[in-house]
Amino acid sequence: MACYCFDGSMTGLLSCVFRAFEFKELDARITANPQGQNGLFDEFIHVAFQ
């Protein structure tokens, strides 16, 4: 499962949602906490907003 992390802004959240739909990852998890991976096979993706 992919885990998307953003900076806490609304634009960062929408960027994560767009990226998840772009790559057709419908079971992705979106979080604002950069805690790291929860599962062994989770893919942690940091989405940077400029």
PDB file of N, CA and C in Angstrom:
ATOM      1  N   MET A   1       0.839  -1.160   0.000  1.00  0.00           N
ATOM      2  CA  MET A   1       0.000   0.000   0.000  1.00  0.00           C
ATOM      3  C   MET A   1       0.894   1.236   0.000  1.00  0.00           C
ATOM      4  N   ALA A   2       0.509   2.233  -0.747  1.00  0.00           N
ATOM      5  CA  ALA A   2       1.258   3.482  -0.801  1.00  0.00           C
ATOM      6  C   ALA A   2       0.779   4.409   0.305  1.00  0.00           C
ATOM      7  N   CYS A   3       1.714   5.093   0.935  1.00  0.00           N
ATOM      8  CA  CYS A   3       1.404   6.060   1.976  1.00  0.00           C
ATOM      9  C   CYS A   3       1.966   7.406   1.527  1.00  0.00           C
ATOM     10  N   TYR A   4       1.084   8.350   1.274  1.00  0.00           N
ATOM     11  CA  TYR A   4       1.489   9.677   0.828  1.00  0.00           C
ATOM     12  C   TYR A   4       1.558  10.622   2.012  1.00  0.00           C
ATOM     13  N   CYS A   5       2.639  11.369   2.118  1.00  0.00           N
ATOM     14  CA  CYS A   5       2.836  12.334   3.193  1.00  0.00           C
ATOM     15  C   CYS A   5       2.909  13.728   2.584  1.00  0.00           C
ATOM     16  N   PHE A   6       2.180  14.673   3.200  1.00  0.00           N
ATOM     17  CA  PHE A   6       2.208  16.049   2.707  1.00  0.00           C
ATOM     18  C   PHE A   6       2.493  16.993   3.858  1.00  0.00           C
ATOM     19  N   ASP A   7       2.627  18.280   3.566  1.00  0.00           N
ATOM     20  CA  ASP A   7       3.074  19.262   4.552  1.00  0.00           C
ATOM     21  C   ASP A   7       1.969  19.802   5.449  1.00  0.00           C
ATOM     22  N   GLY A   8       0.731  19.390   5.278  1.00  0.00           N
ATOM     23  CA  GLY A   8      -0.366  19.836   6.122  1.00  0.00           C
ATOM     24  C   GLY A   8      -1.225  20.910   5.493  1.00  0.00           C
ATOM     25  N   SER A   9      -0.853  21.415   4.329  1.00  0.00           N
ATOM     26  CA  SER A   9      -1.648  22.443   3.670  1.00  0.00           C
ATOM     27  C   SER A   9      -2.713  21.804   2.782  1.00  0.00           C
ATOM     28  N   MET A  10      -3.724  22.586   2.435  1.00  0.00           N
ATOM     29  CA  MET A  10      -4.782  22.095   1.566  1.00  0.00           C
ATOM     30  C   MET A  10      -4.243  21.789   0.172  1.00  0.00           C
ATOM     31  N   THR A  11      -3.317  22.588  -0.313  1.00  0.00           N
ATOM     32  CA  THR A  11      -2.714  22.352  -1.619  1.00  0.00           C
ATOM     33  C   THR A  11      -1.892  21.072  -1.620  1.00  0.00           C
ATOM     34  N   GLY A  12      -1.204  20.808  -0.534  1.00  0.00           N
ATOM     35  CA  GLY A  12      -0.452  19.560  -0.408  1.00  0.00           C
ATOM     36  C   GLY A  12      -1.362  18.353  -0.391  1.00  0.00           C
ATOM     37  N   LEU A  13      -2.506  18.458   0.297  1.00  0.00           N
ATOM     38  CA  LEU A  13      -3.482  17.372   0.329  1.00  0.00           C
ATOM     39  C   LEU A  13      -4.030  17.090  -1.064  1.00  0.00           C
ATOM     40  N   LEU A  14      -4.399  18.138  -1.780  1.00  0.00           N
ATOM     41  CA  LEU A  14      -4.924  17.953  -3.135  1.00  0.00           C
ATOM     42  C   LEU A  14      -3.863  17.402  -4.082  1.00  0.00           C
ATOM     43  N   SER A  15      -2.609  17.749  -3.863  1.00  0.00           N
ATOM     44  CA  SER A  15      -1.523  17.190  -4.669  1.00  0.00           C
ATOM     45  C   SER A  15      -1.394  15.691  -4.435  1.00  0.00           C
ATOM     46  N   CYS A  16      -1.556  15.262  -3.185  1.00  0.00           N
ATOM     47  CA  CYS A  16      -1.500  13.828  -2.868  1.00  0.00           C
ATOM     48  C   CYS A  16      -2.658  13.082  -3.513  1.00  0.00           C
ATOM     49  N   VAL A  17      -3.852  13.651  -3.434  1.00  0.00           N
ATOM     50  CA  VAL A  17      -5.023  13.010  -4.040  1.00  0.00           C
ATOM     51  C   VAL A  17      -4.843  12.907  -5.549  1.00  0.00           C
ATOM     52  N   PHE A  18      -4.347  13.971  -6.176  1.00  0.00           N
ATOM     53  CA  PHE A  18      -4.128  13.941  -7.619  1.00  0.00           C
ATOM     54  C   PHE A  18      -3.106  12.882  -8.001  1.00  0.00           C
ATOM     55  N   ARG A  19      -2.020  12.801  -7.246  1.00  0.00           N
ATOM     56  CA  ARG A  19      -0.977  11.806  -7.557  1.00  0.00           C
ATOM     57  C   ARG A  19      -1.483  10.377  -7.378  1.00  0.00           C
ATOM     58  N   ALA A  20      -2.290  10.153  -6.355  1.00  0.00           N
ATOM     59  CA  ALA A  20      -2.843   8.816  -6.134  1.00  0.00           C
ATOM     60  C   ALA A  20      -3.770   8.411  -7.285  1.00  0.00           C
ATOM     61  N   PHE A  21      -4.610   9.328  -7.745  1.00  0.00           N
ATOM     62  CA  PHE A  21      -5.485   9.016  -8.871  1.00  0.00           C
ATOM     63  C   PHE A  21      -4.718   8.909 -10.183  1.00  0.00           C
ATOM     64  N   GLU A  22      -3.647   9.690 -10.325  1.00  0.00           N
ATOM     65  CA  GLU A  22      -2.833   9.641 -11.538  1.00  0.00           C
ATOM     66  C   GLU A  22      -2.200   8.262 -11.723  1.00  0.00           C
ATOM     67  N   PHE A  23      -1.717   7.671 -10.639  1.00  0.00           N
ATOM     68  CA  PHE A  23      -1.090   6.356 -10.707  1.00  0.00           C
ATOM     69  C   PHE A  23      -2.045   5.219 -10.374  1.00  0.00           C
ATOM     70  N   LYS A  24      -3.350   5.554 -10.255  1.00  0.00           N
ATOM     71  CA  LYS A  24      -4.418   4.563 -10.017  1.00  0.00           C
ATOM     72  C   LYS A  24      -4.168   3.735  -8.762  1.00  0.00           C
ATOM     73  N   GLU A  25      -3.758   4.405  -7.701  1.00  0.00           N
ATOM     74  CA  GLU A  25      -3.561   3.755  -6.402  1.00  0.00           C
ATOM     75  C   GLU A  25      -4.760   4.096  -5.524  1.00  0.00           C
ATOM     76  N   LEU A  26      -5.818   3.307  -5.658  1.00  0.00           N
ATOM     77  CA  LEU A  26      -7.056   3.619  -4.967  1.00  0.00           C
ATOM     78  C   LEU A  26      -7.034   3.193  -3.501  1.00  0.00           C
ATOM     79  N   ASP A  27      -6.100   2.362  -3.099  1.00  0.00           N
ATOM     80  CA  ASP A  27      -6.010   1.949  -1.706  1.00  0.00           C
ATOM     81  C   ASP A  27      -4.881   2.688  -0.969  1.00  0.00           C
ATOM     82  N   ALA A  28      -4.547   3.881  -1.432  1.00  0.00           N
ATOM     83  CA  ALA A  28      -3.467   4.656  -0.823  1.00  0.00           C
ATOM     84  C   ALA A  28      -3.929   5.305   0.477  1.00  0.00           C
ATOM     85  N   ARG A  29      -2.981   5.563   1.343  1.00  0.00           N
ATOM     86  CA  ARG A  29      -3.245   6.242   2.604  1.00  0.00           C
ATOM     87  C   ARG A  29      -2.562   7.601   2.544  1.00  0.00           C
ATOM     88  N   ILE A  30      -3.263   8.657   2.963  1.00  0.00           N
ATOM     89  CA  ILE A  30      -2.725  10.019   2.925  1.00  0.00           C
ATOM     90  C   ILE A  30      -2.610  10.521   4.357  1.00  0.00           C
ATOM     91  N   THR A  31      -1.428  11.025   4.712  1.00  0.00           N
ATOM     92  CA  THR A  31      -1.190  11.477   6.074  1.00  0.00           C
ATOM     93  C   THR A  31      -0.352  12.749   6.076  1.00  0.00           C
ATOM     94  N   ALA A  32      -0.506  13.534   7.136  1.00  0.00           N
ATOM     95  CA  ALA A  32       0.313  14.740   7.305  1.00  0.00           C
ATOM     96  C   ALA A  32       1.454  14.490   8.286  1.00  0.00           C
ATOM     97  N   ASN A  33       1.491  13.314   8.884  1.00  0.00           N
ATOM     98  CA  ASN A  33       2.539  12.986   9.848  1.00  0.00           C
ATOM     99  C   ASN A  33       3.677  12.246   9.165  1.00  0.00           C
ATOM    100  N   PRO A  34       4.871  12.785   9.202  1.00  0.00           N
ATOM    101  CA  PRO A  34       6.015  12.071   8.612  1.00  0.00           C
ATOM    102  C   PRO A  34       6.576  11.022   9.567  1.00  0.00           C
ATOM    103  N   GLN A  35       5.733  10.114  10.034  1.00  0.00           N
ATOM    104  CA  GLN A  35       6.134   9.092  10.998  1.00  0.00           C
ATOM    105  C   GLN A  35       6.982   7.995  10.370  1.00  0.00           C
ATOM    106  N   GLY A  36       6.827   7.791   9.084  1.00  0.00           N
ATOM    107  CA  GLY A  36       7.541   6.706   8.431  1.00  0.00           C
ATOM    108  C   GLY A  36       6.592   5.586   8.049  1.00  0.00           C
ATOM    109  N   GLN A  37       7.136   4.445   7.725  1.00  0.00           N
ATOM    110  CA  GLN A  37       6.327   3.323   7.281  1.00  0.00           C
ATOM    111  C   GLN A  37       5.699   2.601   8.458  1.00  0.00           C
ATOM    112  N   ASN A  38       4.470   2.133   8.268  1.00  0.00           N
ATOM    113  CA  ASN A  38       3.807   1.337   9.293  1.00  0.00           C
ATOM    114  C   ASN A  38       3.938  -0.145   9.015  1.00  0.00           C
ATOM    115  N   GLY A  39       3.948  -0.522   7.747  1.00  0.00           N
ATOM    116  CA  GLY A  39       4.052  -1.923   7.390  1.00  0.00           C
ATOM    117  C   GLY A  39       5.371  -2.226   6.715  1.00  0.00           C
ATOM    118  N   LEU A  40       5.668  -3.489   6.602  1.00  0.00           N
ATOM    119  CA  LEU A  40       6.936  -3.908   6.013  1.00  0.00           C
ATOM    120  C   LEU A  40       7.001  -3.586   4.525  1.00  0.00           C
ATOM    121  N   PHE A  41       5.887  -3.733   3.833  1.00  0.00           N
ATOM    122  CA  PHE A  41       5.888  -3.547   2.386  1.00  0.00           C
ATOM    123  C   PHE A  41       5.217  -2.248   1.950  1.00  0.00           C
ATOM    124  N   ASP A  42       4.956  -1.323   2.866  1.00  0.00           N
ATOM    125  CA  ASP A  42       4.367  -0.038   2.510  1.00  0.00           C
ATOM    126  C   ASP A  42       5.386   0.819   1.765  1.00  0.00           C
ATOM    127  N   GLU A  43       4.900   1.545   0.807  1.00  0.00           N
ATOM    128  CA  GLU A  43       5.736   2.475   0.045  1.00  0.00           C
ATOM    129  C   GLU A  43       5.452   3.879   0.562  1.00  0.00           C
ATOM    130  N   PHE A  44       6.438   4.551   1.149  1.00  0.00           N
ATOM    131  CA  PHE A  44       6.279   5.869   1.737  1.00  0.00           C
ATOM    132  C   PHE A  44       6.700   6.906   0.704  1.00  0.00           C
ATOM    133  N   ILE A  45       5.767   7.781   0.305  1.00  0.00           N
ATOM    134  CA  ILE A  45       6.022   8.787  -0.732  1.00  0.00           C
ATOM    135  C   ILE A  45       5.779  10.164  -0.148  1.00  0.00           C
ATOM    136  N   HIS A  46       6.798  11.019  -0.164  1.00  0.00           N
ATOM    137  CA  HIS A  46       6.644  12.400   0.296  1.00  0.00           C
ATOM    138  C   HIS A  46       6.338  13.262  -0.913  1.00  0.00           C
ATOM    139  N   VAL A  47       5.190  13.934  -0.887  1.00  0.00           N
ATOM    140  CA  VAL A  47       4.776  14.795  -1.993  1.00  0.00           C
ATOM    141  C   VAL A  47       5.125  16.222  -1.618  1.00  0.00           C
ATOM    142  N   ALA A  48       6.032  16.807  -2.373  1.00  0.00           N
ATOM    143  CA  ALA A  48       6.480  18.181  -2.113  1.00  0.00           C
ATOM    144  C   ALA A  48       5.624  19.152  -2.909  1.00  0.00           C
ATOM    145  N   PHE A  49       5.217  20.208  -2.252  1.00  0.00           N
ATOM    146  CA  PHE A  49       4.462  21.271  -2.921  1.00  0.00           C
ATOM    147  C   PHE A  49       5.354  22.482  -3.025  1.00  0.00           C
ATOM    148  N   GLN A  50       5.322  23.143  -4.185  1.00  0.00           N
ATOM    149  CA  GLN A  50       6.173  24.323  -4.394  1.00  0.00           C
ATOM    150  C   GLN A  50       5.359  25.563  -4.511  1.00  0.00           C
TER     151      GLN A  50
END
